[in-house]
Amino acid sequence: MIRPMGRGETARGAGTSWAARFSLGRAGEEAAARFLRGQGGRILASNWRPRGRHRRLELDLVALEDGVLVFAEVKTRQRSPGEDRTVFPTHAAFTAQKRRNMTQAARLYLTEQGLWDIPCRFDLICVERLPNGQLDVERHRNVIAIGRAADSGHAAWQPW
């Protein structure tokens, strides 16, 4: 079960510089892309942003796997020596707002690319830099379930 962040929790480490967080995030996204390619996926887009007024939205990775379009959110964090992974797991940073933004960005991507006829799903890829420097990659498939209430009138198999 994915636990959302609680009040007062933050995904960014206290005292960590922007450059260090950016570097860690970039390493996590590269590791996630390698992971998807290793699973037979083909990366179609990285850090994709829509044009126009929705420019604030972003899709970390878009891949094609066995005929399915995969929208992947990548969450990366540094794991401290002796840190309990259950206190603040990496996937806890995948908030309800982030899920809404990801869904909206996916709709814009499908529209812009004309890909409404391809099945799709939403995955979360958690990357942790371990104290020894290695990157641990864990994938959660189908992390967003969208019901009929959000039906857009597009292809019947689409999840919204």
Protein backbone atom coordinates (compact mmCIF):
# COMPACT_ATOMS: atom_id res chain seq x y z
CA MET A 1 0.00 0.00 0.00
CA ILE A 2 1.32 3.42 -0.92
CA ARG A 3 1.18 5.79 2.04
CA PRO A 4 0.82 9.50 1.21
CA MET A 5 3.02 12.04 2.94
CA GLY A 6 1.67 13.31 6.22
CA ARG A 7 1.35 16.88 7.37
CA GLY A 8 4.78 18.40 7.86
CA GLU A 9 6.63 15.67 5.94
CA THR A 10 8.74 16.66 2.99
CA ALA A 11 10.30 14.76 0.13
CA ARG A 12 13.40 16.93 0.26
CA GLY A 13 16.09 16.33 2.81
CA ALA A 14 16.81 19.13 5.24
CA GLY A 15 20.07 20.87 4.47
CA THR A 16 20.41 19.25 1.04
CA SER A 17 21.38 21.66 -1.72
CA TRP A 18 19.29 22.11 -4.83
CA ALA A 19 22.20 20.92 -7.00
CA ALA A 20 22.57 17.70 -4.96
CA ARG A 21 18.81 17.00 -5.19
CA PHE A 22 18.81 17.74 -8.92
CA SER A 23 21.80 15.43 -9.47
CA LEU A 24 20.17 12.66 -7.44
CA GLY A 25 16.88 13.09 -9.29
CA ARG A 26 18.63 12.97 -12.66
CA ALA A 27 20.51 9.80 -11.64
CA GLY A 28 17.21 8.26 -10.53
CA GLU A 29 15.49 9.04 -13.83
CA GLU A 30 18.40 7.61 -15.79
CA ALA A 31 18.33 4.44 -13.65
CA ALA A 32 14.55 4.17 -14.17
CA ALA A 33 14.96 4.52 -17.95
CA ARG A 34 17.64 1.80 -17.95
CA PHE A 35 15.32 -0.37 -15.87
CA LEU A 36 12.43 0.07 -18.32
CA ARG A 37 14.69 -0.66 -21.29
CA GLY A 38 15.93 -3.77 -19.47
CA GLN A 39 12.30 -4.88 -19.14
CA GLY A 40 11.86 -4.59 -22.92
CA GLY A 41 10.46 -1.06 -22.96
CA ARG A 42 11.28 1.65 -25.47
CA ILE A 43 11.55 5.17 -24.06
CA LEU A 44 9.41 7.57 -26.09
CA ALA A 45 9.83 10.67 -23.94
CA SER A 46 11.75 11.87 -20.91
CA ASN A 47 10.70 14.91 -18.85
CA TRP A 48 7.89 15.62 -21.32
CA ARG A 49 5.95 18.85 -20.84
CA PRO A 50 2.84 19.94 -22.75
CA ARG A 51 2.75 23.12 -24.74
CA GLY A 52 0.86 26.21 -23.66
CA ARG A 53 -0.86 26.91 -20.38
CA HIS A 54 -0.27 23.44 -18.92
CA ARG A 55 3.52 23.84 -19.06
CA ARG A 56 3.78 23.21 -15.29
CA LEU A 57 2.80 19.55 -15.81
CA GLU A 58 5.43 16.93 -16.56
CA LEU A 59 5.74 13.23 -17.33
CA ASP A 60 9.06 11.83 -16.09
CA LEU A 61 9.13 8.92 -18.53
CA VAL A 62 6.86 7.68 -21.27
CA ALA A 63 7.64 4.20 -22.60
CA LEU A 64 6.12 1.60 -24.87
CA GLU A 65 6.09 -1.93 -23.41
CA ASP A 66 4.44 -4.83 -25.20
CA GLY A 67 2.02 -2.52 -26.98
CA VAL A 68 1.12 -0.63 -23.77
CA LEU A 69 1.97 3.03 -23.25
CA VAL A 70 3.53 3.41 -19.79
CA PHE A 71 3.48 6.77 -18.02
CA ALA A 72 6.11 6.46 -15.30
CA GLU A 73 6.60 8.77 -12.35
CA VAL A 74 10.09 8.49 -10.86
CA LYS A 75 10.69 9.21 -7.18
CA THR A 76 14.30 9.18 -5.98
CA ARG A 77 15.82 9.60 -2.55
CA GLN A 78 19.06 9.13 -0.69
CA ARG A 79 18.94 6.41 1.95
CA SER A 80 21.02 7.16 5.05
CA PRO A 81 22.98 4.41 6.82
CA GLY A 82 20.74 2.63 9.32
CA GLU A 83 17.63 4.50 8.17
CA ASP A 84 14.37 2.60 8.57
CA ARG A 85 12.76 2.37 5.12
CA THR A 86 9.29 2.10 6.66
CA VAL A 87 9.41 5.49 8.41
CA PHE A 88 9.36 7.47 5.15
CA PRO A 89 9.34 5.15 2.13
CA THR A 90 10.24 6.62 -1.27
CA HIS A 91 6.76 6.02 -2.68
CA ALA A 92 5.22 8.22 0.04
CA ALA A 93 6.21 11.25 -2.05
CA PHE A 94 3.67 10.15 -4.70
CA THR A 95 0.87 12.39 -3.45
CA ALA A 96 -2.76 12.69 -4.55
CA GLN A 97 -1.91 16.00 -6.24
CA LYS A 98 0.94 14.36 -8.15
CA ARG A 99 -1.47 11.63 -9.31
CA ARG A 100 -3.94 14.25 -10.55
CA ASN A 101 -1.18 16.14 -12.38
CA MET A 102 0.15 12.93 -13.91
CA THR A 103 -3.31 11.97 -15.20
CA GLN A 104 -3.84 15.42 -16.70
CA ALA A 105 -0.39 15.38 -18.33
CA ALA A 106 -1.07 11.90 -19.75
CA ARG A 107 -4.30 13.11 -21.34
CA LEU A 108 -2.45 16.02 -22.93
CA TYR A 109 0.33 13.68 -24.15
CA LEU A 110 -2.20 11.29 -25.72
CA THR A 111 -3.97 14.18 -27.41
CA GLU A 112 -0.79 15.90 -28.62
CA GLN A 113 0.71 12.66 -29.94
CA GLY A 114 -2.57 11.27 -31.31
CA LEU A 115 -2.20 8.05 -29.32
CA TRP A 116 -5.67 7.59 -27.81
CA ASP A 117 -5.95 4.18 -29.49
CA ILE A 118 -3.06 2.61 -27.54
CA PRO A 119 -3.67 0.96 -24.13
CA CYS A 120 -1.91 2.74 -21.28
CA ARG A 121 -1.11 2.44 -17.59
CA PHE A 122 0.54 4.47 -14.85
CA ASP A 123 3.62 3.13 -13.05
CA LEU A 124 5.64 4.47 -10.15
CA ILE A 125 9.37 3.77 -10.15
CA CYS A 126 11.10 4.28 -6.81
CA VAL A 127 14.86 4.70 -6.85
CA GLU A 128 16.94 4.79 -3.70
CA ARG A 129 20.62 5.62 -3.52
CA LEU A 130 21.94 3.28 -0.86
CA PRO A 131 24.71 4.29 1.55
CA ASN A 132 27.21 2.36 -0.61
CA GLY A 133 26.25 4.50 -3.64
CA GLN A 134 24.35 1.82 -5.53
CA LEU A 135 20.90 2.59 -6.89
CA ASP A 136 18.03 0.30 -5.92
CA VAL A 137 15.09 0.38 -8.37
CA GLU A 138 11.60 -0.81 -7.48
CA ARG A 139 8.57 -0.63 -9.77
CA HIS A 140 4.91 -0.35 -8.81
CA ARG A 141 2.58 -1.05 -11.75
CA ASN A 142 -0.89 0.41 -12.26
CA VAL A 143 -0.65 2.91 -9.40
CA ILE A 144 -3.53 5.04 -10.66
CA ALA A 145 -6.98 3.56 -11.16
CA ILE A 146 -9.34 5.93 -12.89
CA GLY A 147 -13.04 5.11 -12.85
CA ARG A 148 -15.86 5.76 -15.28
CA ALA A 149 -16.62 9.12 -13.64
CA ALA A 150 -13.63 10.59 -15.48
CA ASP A 151 -14.72 9.19 -18.86
CA SER A 152 -13.53 11.45 -21.64
CA GLY A 153 -15.35 9.70 -24.46
CA HIS A 154 -12.17 8.28 -25.97
CA ALA A 155 -11.38 4.63 -26.68
CA ALA A 156 -13.38 2.23 -24.46
CA TRP A 157 -10.32 0.47 -23.02
CA GLN A 158 -8.72 3.66 -21.75
CA PRO A 159 -8.62 3.94 -17.95
CA TRP A 160 -10.61 7.18 -17.89
